[in-house]
Amino acid sequence: MQHPLIQTLPPNLLDVIGDVHGEIDALNELLRHLGYDSAGYHPNDRKLVFVGDLCDRGPDSPAVIKLVQRMVEVGNAYAILGNHELNLLRGDAKDGSGWFFDERLERDERYQPFARPIEAQRNFIFDFLNTLPLVLEREDLRIVHAAWVDQDIDMLRQVRGVSANELFVQLEKTLTSTLKANGSYQKFQEAVTMHADSLEDENCNMPFLDAIADHDEACQKGNLVKVMTSGVERRAQAPFFSSHKWRFVERVGWWNEYAEAVPVLVGHYWRQLVPIDRAAVGKGDKNLFDEIGSVQWHGKLKNVFCLDYSVGGRWRERKDQRTPGTQFKLAAMRWPERQLVFDTGETMNTTGFLSNDLSDEIYAS
């Protein structure tokens, strides 16, 4: 029986955890600070929620997934798919996935050492991730990995009988047929072939490749699974190098257009509690939080919050022989308290929730 792609959160008090990225020690420390035991049980019957991106880049993605799976199966935790899990399900070996894909081992040397699963474990990992929904919600809260776009969510509510990966493939096939019919796909393939040796070379003088920009923007916009797991992306002004690849479309702050009353929690966007060198961890894209406080709610109504505090960059601290957690942290939000807890022990209240005239008007109506 296929799991629905939008699932209902329980009525319990919640602890919502941001992107973990294989950082098992950080996860265990965070769970300890939150008051959970190794099975995810909390004495006050709180429940855990994971916003996706459990894997890649960190030292032990298999251990993180196994722990989350165990807690989900006994009913103590809930989890959704992030773009990194989706890449695994699709067999798309991208940056940081060398722990699972042999073809990434050499290029992912920067993240080593990392644990790799045996064949039997690989099957369990795949099967578990394939059961995860894209969205969790209840009356007072919505959780999605990267973007809540109303029209895409409305479409997703009509979907039955397929996994997120199967839906992704269906939408991709339809979109590819359209792009082939109008010639965009062929131009994209030609550009990729012509620049194959330089698309992962940060030091090359990369021109702006219109064919790749047009293709990538169309593929993102036309696949609701991509939007929910990777966000809203639009054509960039110039090429930029991010996550060890040249890119021609950039992320945008969709929350500035979100006008629904229900708060949304997301991960994905590499927020910082303290300043970090984004270039040192391969992030050459625009920082969407440049003008947003480190623990501040954001968006049109100030009711969206990103919980990804860049623990996916902790490999850089280890390479530089710095204390893990100095800059890159794993965070959870206690809900409905709206309080942040970090794996390094800090506890902070979030700020600015519903702090504008427009949100006051909508919530009062």
Protein backbone atom coordinates (compact mmCIF):
# COMPACT_ATOMS: atom_id res chain seq x y z
CA MET A 1 0.00 0.00 0.00
CA GLN A 2 1.49 3.34 -1.03
CA HIS A 3 1.84 6.05 1.60
CA PRO A 4 0.10 9.36 0.83
CA LEU A 5 2.40 12.24 -0.06
CA ILE A 6 0.70 14.65 2.33
CA GLN A 7 0.34 13.32 5.87
CA THR A 8 -1.21 14.68 9.05
CA LEU A 9 0.90 15.61 12.05
CA PRO A 10 -0.21 14.32 15.47
CA PRO A 11 -1.69 16.74 18.03
CA ASN A 12 1.33 16.38 20.38
CA LEU A 13 3.90 19.01 21.22
CA LEU A 14 6.57 18.81 18.52
CA ASP A 15 10.32 19.19 18.09
CA VAL A 16 11.07 19.91 14.43
CA ILE A 17 14.66 19.16 13.38
CA GLY A 18 16.44 20.79 10.46
CA ASP A 19 18.69 19.18 7.83
CA VAL A 20 20.97 16.58 9.49
CA HIS A 21 23.24 15.68 6.52
CA GLY A 22 24.76 12.55 8.03
CA GLU A 23 25.96 14.26 11.23
CA ILE A 24 25.08 11.46 13.64
CA ASP A 25 26.95 12.90 16.63
CA ALA A 26 25.18 16.23 16.25
CA LEU A 27 21.82 14.46 16.03
CA ASN A 28 22.47 12.40 19.16
CA GLU A 29 23.53 15.51 21.06
CA LEU A 30 20.47 17.43 19.93
CA LEU A 31 18.16 14.60 20.95
CA ARG A 32 19.83 14.58 24.37
CA HIS A 33 19.31 18.32 24.82
CA LEU A 34 15.66 17.91 23.76
CA GLY A 35 15.08 15.14 26.29
CA TYR A 36 14.61 12.10 23.99
CA ASP A 37 15.97 8.62 24.52
CA SER A 38 17.62 6.47 21.82
CA ALA A 39 14.22 5.24 20.57
CA GLY A 40 12.83 8.77 20.26
CA TYR A 41 10.66 8.52 23.37
CA HIS A 42 10.04 11.73 25.33
CA PRO A 43 8.72 11.72 28.91
CA ASN A 44 6.25 14.48 28.02
CA ASP A 45 5.02 12.61 24.94
CA ARG A 46 6.53 15.12 22.53
CA LYS A 47 7.10 13.93 18.95
CA LEU A 48 10.02 14.48 16.59
CA VAL A 49 9.68 15.79 13.05
CA PHE A 50 12.50 15.79 10.45
CA VAL A 51 12.34 18.27 7.57
CA GLY A 52 14.44 16.16 5.17
CA ASP A 53 18.06 16.02 4.00
CA LEU A 54 19.01 13.33 6.48
CA CYS A 55 21.94 12.26 4.33
CA ASP A 56 25.02 13.34 2.32
CA ARG A 57 28.24 15.21 3.20
CA GLY A 58 28.44 14.05 6.84
CA PRO A 59 30.40 11.11 8.31
CA ASP A 60 27.55 8.61 8.84
CA SER A 61 24.43 8.98 6.73
CA PRO A 62 23.51 5.28 7.20
CA ALA A 63 23.44 5.70 10.99
CA VAL A 64 21.27 8.82 10.77
CA ILE A 65 18.76 7.14 8.46
CA LYS A 66 18.68 3.99 10.59
CA LEU A 67 18.03 6.01 13.76
CA VAL A 68 15.26 8.08 12.15
CA GLN A 69 13.71 4.97 10.62
CA ARG A 70 13.60 3.24 14.00
CA MET A 71 11.93 6.24 15.63
CA VAL A 72 9.42 6.61 12.78
CA GLU A 73 8.48 2.94 12.87
CA VAL A 74 7.65 3.01 16.60
CA GLY A 75 5.57 6.17 16.18
CA ASN A 76 7.89 8.62 17.95
CA ALA A 77 8.97 10.56 14.86
CA TYR A 78 7.79 11.79 11.46
CA ALA A 79 9.92 12.67 8.45
CA ILE A 80 9.59 14.09 4.95
CA LEU A 81 11.74 13.90 1.83
CA GLY A 82 14.41 16.46 1.08
CA ASN A 83 16.18 16.92 -2.23
CA HIS A 84 19.10 14.74 -1.08
CA GLU A 85 16.83 11.77 -0.36
CA LEU A 86 15.07 12.31 -3.67
CA ASN A 87 18.41 12.28 -5.50
CA LEU A 88 19.21 8.93 -3.87
CA LEU A 89 15.87 7.43 -4.85
CA ARG A 90 16.33 8.60 -8.44
CA GLY A 91 19.88 7.26 -8.67
CA ASP A 92 21.13 10.81 -9.24
CA ALA A 93 24.67 10.84 -7.81
CA LYS A 94 25.27 14.46 -6.81
CA ASP A 95 27.74 16.28 -4.58
CA GLY A 96 28.17 14.64 -1.17
CA SER A 97 26.52 11.33 -2.04
CA GLY A 98 29.73 9.28 -2.34
CA TRP A 99 28.74 7.36 0.78
CA PHE A 100 26.00 5.72 -1.36
CA PHE A 101 27.15 6.03 -4.99
CA ASP A 102 30.47 4.55 -6.14
CA GLU A 103 30.72 7.05 -9.00
CA ARG A 104 30.97 9.92 -6.50
CA LEU A 105 33.70 8.42 -4.32
CA GLU A 106 36.65 10.13 -5.97
CA ARG A 107 34.97 13.53 -6.42
CA ASP A 108 33.68 13.47 -2.83
CA GLU A 109 37.12 13.10 -1.28
CA ARG A 110 36.59 16.39 0.57
CA TYR A 111 33.90 14.78 2.75
CA GLN A 112 35.80 11.63 3.68
CA PRO A 113 35.99 9.64 5.87
CA PHE A 114 32.35 8.56 5.73
CA ALA A 115 30.54 5.31 6.47
CA ARG A 116 29.23 3.32 3.51
CA PRO A 117 26.38 0.79 3.70
CA ILE A 118 26.63 -2.84 2.68
CA GLU A 119 24.22 -4.04 -0.02
CA ALA A 120 21.52 -5.21 2.41
CA GLN A 121 21.61 -1.84 4.18
CA ARG A 122 21.30 -0.04 0.84
CA ASN A 123 18.05 -1.84 0.15
CA PHE A 124 16.64 -0.96 3.59
CA ILE A 125 17.66 2.68 3.14
CA PHE A 126 16.01 2.87 -0.27
CA ASP A 127 12.82 1.17 0.90
CA PHE A 128 12.44 3.44 3.94
CA LEU A 129 13.08 6.69 2.06
CA ASN A 130 10.62 5.61 -0.61
CA THR A 131 7.80 5.62 2.00
CA LEU A 132 8.32 9.24 3.08
CA PRO A 133 5.82 11.96 2.21
CA LEU A 134 6.59 15.40 0.81
CA VAL A 135 4.43 17.35 3.27
CA LEU A 136 3.34 17.14 6.91
CA GLU A 137 0.60 19.39 8.20
CA ARG A 138 -2.04 20.10 10.79
CA GLU A 139 -4.29 23.06 11.52
CA ASP A 140 -1.56 25.18 13.14
CA LEU A 141 1.54 24.14 11.18
CA ARG A 142 2.86 23.14 7.75
CA ILE A 143 6.17 21.40 7.10
CA VAL A 144 7.84 20.99 3.71
CA HIS A 145 11.52 20.72 2.87
CA ALA A 146 11.99 23.72 0.60
CA ALA A 147 8.86 25.55 -0.61
CA TRP A 148 5.15 25.75 0.03
CA VAL A 149 3.49 26.95 -3.19
CA ASP A 150 -0.27 26.80 -2.91
CA GLN A 151 -1.05 25.71 -6.47
CA ASP A 152 1.50 22.87 -6.28
CA ILE A 153 0.17 21.71 -2.91
CA ASP A 154 -3.38 21.75 -4.33
CA MET A 155 -2.22 19.56 -7.22
CA LEU A 156 -0.43 17.20 -4.85
CA ARG A 157 -3.62 16.71 -2.83
CA GLN A 158 -5.16 15.09 -5.91
CA VAL A 159 -2.36 12.52 -6.31
CA ARG A 160 -2.96 8.94 -5.21
CA GLY A 161 -1.14 5.63 -5.50
CA VAL A 162 2.40 6.79 -6.32
CA SER A 163 5.54 7.53 -4.34
CA ALA A 164 7.25 10.91 -4.55
CA ASN A 165 9.91 9.38 -6.79
CA GLU A 166 7.32 7.89 -9.13
CA LEU A 167 5.47 11.19 -9.31
CA PHE A 168 8.75 12.97 -10.05
CA VAL A 169 9.45 10.61 -12.95
CA GLN A 170 5.93 11.03 -14.37
CA LEU A 171 6.17 14.82 -14.30
CA GLU A 172 9.68 14.76 -15.73
CA LYS A 173 8.64 12.60 -18.67
CA THR A 174 5.78 14.94 -19.54
CA LEU A 175 8.03 17.98 -19.24
CA THR A 176 10.83 16.40 -21.28
CA SER A 177 8.38 15.64 -24.08
CA THR A 178 7.35 19.29 -24.13
CA LEU A 179 10.95 20.51 -24.12
CA LYS A 180 11.90 18.11 -26.92
CA ALA A 181 8.96 19.29 -28.97
CA ASN A 182 10.04 22.93 -28.75
CA GLY A 183 13.77 22.21 -29.18
CA SER A 184 14.85 23.32 -25.69
CA TYR A 185 15.95 19.85 -24.62
CA GLN A 186 18.27 19.40 -27.59
CA LYS A 187 19.90 22.78 -26.97
CA PHE A 188 20.38 21.85 -23.31
CA GLN A 189 22.05 18.54 -24.19
CA GLU A 190 24.35 20.24 -26.67
CA ALA A 191 25.42 22.79 -24.06
CA VAL A 192 26.06 20.12 -21.42
CA THR A 193 28.11 18.04 -23.86
CA MET A 194 30.13 21.03 -25.04
CA HIS A 195 30.96 22.14 -21.48
CA ALA A 196 31.11 18.72 -19.77
CA ASP A 197 34.72 19.21 -18.63
CA SER A 198 34.14 22.65 -17.13
CA LEU A 199 30.73 22.52 -15.43
CA GLU A 200 32.41 21.31 -12.19
CA ASP A 201 35.57 23.40 -12.66
CA GLU A 202 35.38 26.46 -10.43
CA ASN A 203 38.41 28.07 -12.06
CA CYS A 204 37.13 28.11 -15.63
CA ASN A 205 35.83 31.28 -17.25
CA MET A 206 32.25 30.08 -17.54
CA PRO A 207 30.01 31.99 -19.95
CA PHE A 208 26.29 32.29 -19.28
CA LEU A 209 24.69 29.25 -20.93
CA ASP A 210 21.18 30.27 -21.93
CA ALA A 211 20.22 26.76 -22.99
CA ILE A 212 20.97 25.35 -19.54
CA ALA A 213 19.30 28.29 -17.78
CA ASP A 214 16.11 27.94 -19.85
CA HIS A 215 16.02 24.18 -19.36
CA ASP A 216 16.69 24.24 -15.61
CA GLU A 217 14.13 26.96 -14.93
CA ALA A 218 11.47 25.09 -16.92
CA CYS A 219 12.26 21.79 -15.20
CA GLN A 220 12.07 23.35 -11.75
CA LYS A 221 8.85 25.23 -12.38
CA GLY A 222 7.19 22.31 -14.15
CA ASN A 223 7.77 19.64 -11.49
CA LEU A 224 6.02 20.18 -8.18
CA VAL A 225 8.20 17.54 -6.49
CA LYS A 226 11.26 19.60 -7.40
CA VAL A 227 9.66 22.78 -6.09
CA MET A 228 8.79 21.19 -2.73
CA THR A 229 12.23 19.63 -2.27
CA SER A 230 14.50 22.22 -3.95
CA GLY A 231 12.53 25.45 -3.83
CA VAL A 232 11.52 28.09 -6.33
CA GLU A 233 14.30 28.88 -8.80
CA ARG A 234 14.50 31.50 -11.51
CA ARG A 235 17.00 32.55 -14.15
CA ALA A 236 20.11 34.14 -12.62
CA GLN A 237 21.75 37.35 -13.81
CA ALA A 238 25.15 35.65 -14.20
CA PRO A 239 26.61 32.13 -13.76
CA PHE A 240 27.71 31.24 -10.23
CA PHE A 241 29.52 28.26 -8.74
CA SER A 242 27.67 26.52 -5.91
CA SER A 243 27.77 22.98 -4.47
CA HIS A 244 30.73 22.35 -6.77
CA LYS A 245 28.87 23.03 -9.99
CA TRP A 246 28.24 26.01 -12.28
CA ARG A 247 24.63 27.13 -12.08
CA PHE A 248 22.45 29.44 -14.17
CA VAL A 249 19.26 29.58 -12.10
CA GLU A 250 19.09 30.83 -8.53
CA ARG A 251 16.92 30.25 -5.50
CA VAL A 252 14.43 32.93 -4.57
CA GLY A 253 12.68 33.65 -1.29
CA TRP A 254 9.24 32.21 -2.10
CA TRP A 255 8.17 33.13 1.45
CA ASN A 256 7.90 36.75 0.36
CA GLU A 257 4.88 35.69 -1.71
CA TYR A 258 3.35 33.28 0.84
CA ALA A 259 0.10 34.84 2.06
CA GLU A 260 -1.54 31.97 3.96
CA ALA A 261 -2.18 32.25 7.70
CA VAL A 262 -0.73 28.85 8.69
CA PRO A 263 2.99 28.99 9.66
CA VAL A 264 5.48 26.98 7.58
CA LEU A 265 8.74 25.36 8.72
CA VAL A 266 11.37 24.43 6.11
CA GLY A 267 15.01 23.39 5.84
CA HIS A 268 17.24 23.48 2.76
CA TYR A 269 18.56 27.06 2.65
CA TRP A 270 21.81 27.09 4.70
CA ARG A 271 20.95 29.66 7.31
CA GLN A 272 23.65 30.76 9.78
CA LEU A 273 23.51 31.35 13.54
CA VAL A 274 26.97 32.92 13.36
CA PRO A 275 28.74 34.24 10.23
CA ILE A 276 30.33 31.55 8.06
CA ASP A 277 32.50 31.54 4.97
CA ARG A 278 29.96 30.22 2.50
CA ALA A 279 32.56 29.85 -0.23
CA ALA A 280 34.58 27.48 1.98
CA VAL A 281 31.69 25.00 1.89
CA GLY A 282 30.99 25.45 -1.81
CA LYS A 283 28.09 27.90 -1.49
CA GLY A 284 28.46 30.54 -4.16
CA ASP A 285 24.77 31.33 -4.43
CA LYS A 286 23.02 34.33 -2.93
CA ASN A 287 22.45 34.18 0.84
CA LEU A 288 18.70 34.59 1.18
CA PHE A 289 19.13 35.56 4.85
CA ASP A 290 21.47 38.52 4.39
CA GLU A 291 18.87 40.94 5.74
CA ILE A 292 17.06 38.53 8.07
CA GLY A 293 18.08 38.02 11.69
CA SER A 294 19.63 34.68 12.59
CA VAL A 295 16.62 33.57 14.68
CA GLN A 296 13.98 35.73 13.01
CA TRP A 297 10.77 34.64 11.32
CA HIS A 298 10.62 35.76 7.71
CA GLY A 299 8.32 36.14 4.73
CA LYS A 300 5.42 38.35 3.76
CA LEU A 301 3.52 37.60 6.98
CA LYS A 302 6.55 36.72 9.13
CA ASN A 303 5.23 33.19 9.56
CA VAL A 304 7.88 31.14 7.71
CA PHE A 305 11.04 29.83 9.39
CA CYS A 306 14.06 28.02 7.95
CA LEU A 307 15.57 25.47 10.36
CA ASP A 308 18.67 24.58 8.33
CA TYR A 309 21.59 26.03 10.30
CA SER A 310 24.22 24.66 7.90
CA VAL A 311 25.32 21.54 9.78
CA GLY A 312 26.00 20.19 6.26
CA GLY A 313 29.17 22.28 6.34
CA ARG A 314 30.60 20.68 9.48
CA TRP A 315 32.98 18.62 7.34
CA ARG A 316 34.82 21.91 6.74
CA GLU A 317 35.40 22.39 10.47
CA ARG A 318 36.90 18.92 10.71
CA LYS A 319 39.16 19.55 7.72
CA ASP A 320 40.32 22.81 9.31
CA GLN A 321 40.76 21.10 12.70
CA ARG A 322 38.24 23.42 14.32
CA THR A 323 35.84 22.39 17.06
CA PRO A 324 32.73 20.93 15.36
CA GLY A 325 29.75 23.17 15.93
CA THR A 326 31.66 26.43 16.15
CA GLN A 327 29.91 27.72 13.03
CA PHE A 328 27.83 24.90 11.58
CA LYS A 329 24.96 23.73 13.78
CA LEU A 330 22.00 21.38 13.92
CA ALA A 331 18.79 22.98 15.16
CA ALA A 332 15.32 22.01 16.35
CA MET A 333 12.29 24.18 16.95
CA ARG A 334 10.02 23.38 19.84
CA TRP A 335 6.44 23.84 18.67
CA PRO A 336 4.25 25.60 19.61
CA GLU A 337 6.79 27.28 21.93
CA ARG A 338 8.74 28.61 18.88
CA GLN A 339 11.99 28.05 20.78
CA LEU A 340 15.21 26.90 19.11
CA VAL A 341 17.51 24.25 20.58
CA PHE A 342 20.93 23.57 19.04
CA ASP A 343 23.11 20.47 19.21
CA THR A 344 25.81 22.60 20.83
CA GLY A 345 23.53 23.38 23.78
CA GLU A 346 22.26 26.89 23.04
CA THR A 347 18.56 27.59 23.53
CA MET A 348 17.07 30.70 21.91
CA ASN A 349 13.62 32.16 21.45
CA THR A 350 12.75 33.02 17.86
CA THR A 351 11.82 36.62 17.08
CA GLY A 352 9.46 38.60 14.89
CA PHE A 353 6.67 36.04 14.57
CA LEU A 354 3.68 37.75 12.81
CA SER A 355 5.38 41.10 13.33
CA ASN A 356 3.81 43.23 10.63
CA ASP A 357 0.53 44.98 10.00
CA LEU A 358 -0.53 42.70 7.14
CA SER A 359 -0.18 39.52 9.21
CA ASP A 360 -2.13 41.10 12.09
CA GLU A 361 -4.94 41.89 9.67
CA ILE A 362 -5.06 38.40 8.15
CA TYR A 363 -4.87 36.54 11.47
CA ALA A 364 -7.56 38.73 12.96
CA SER A 365 -9.98 38.08 10.09
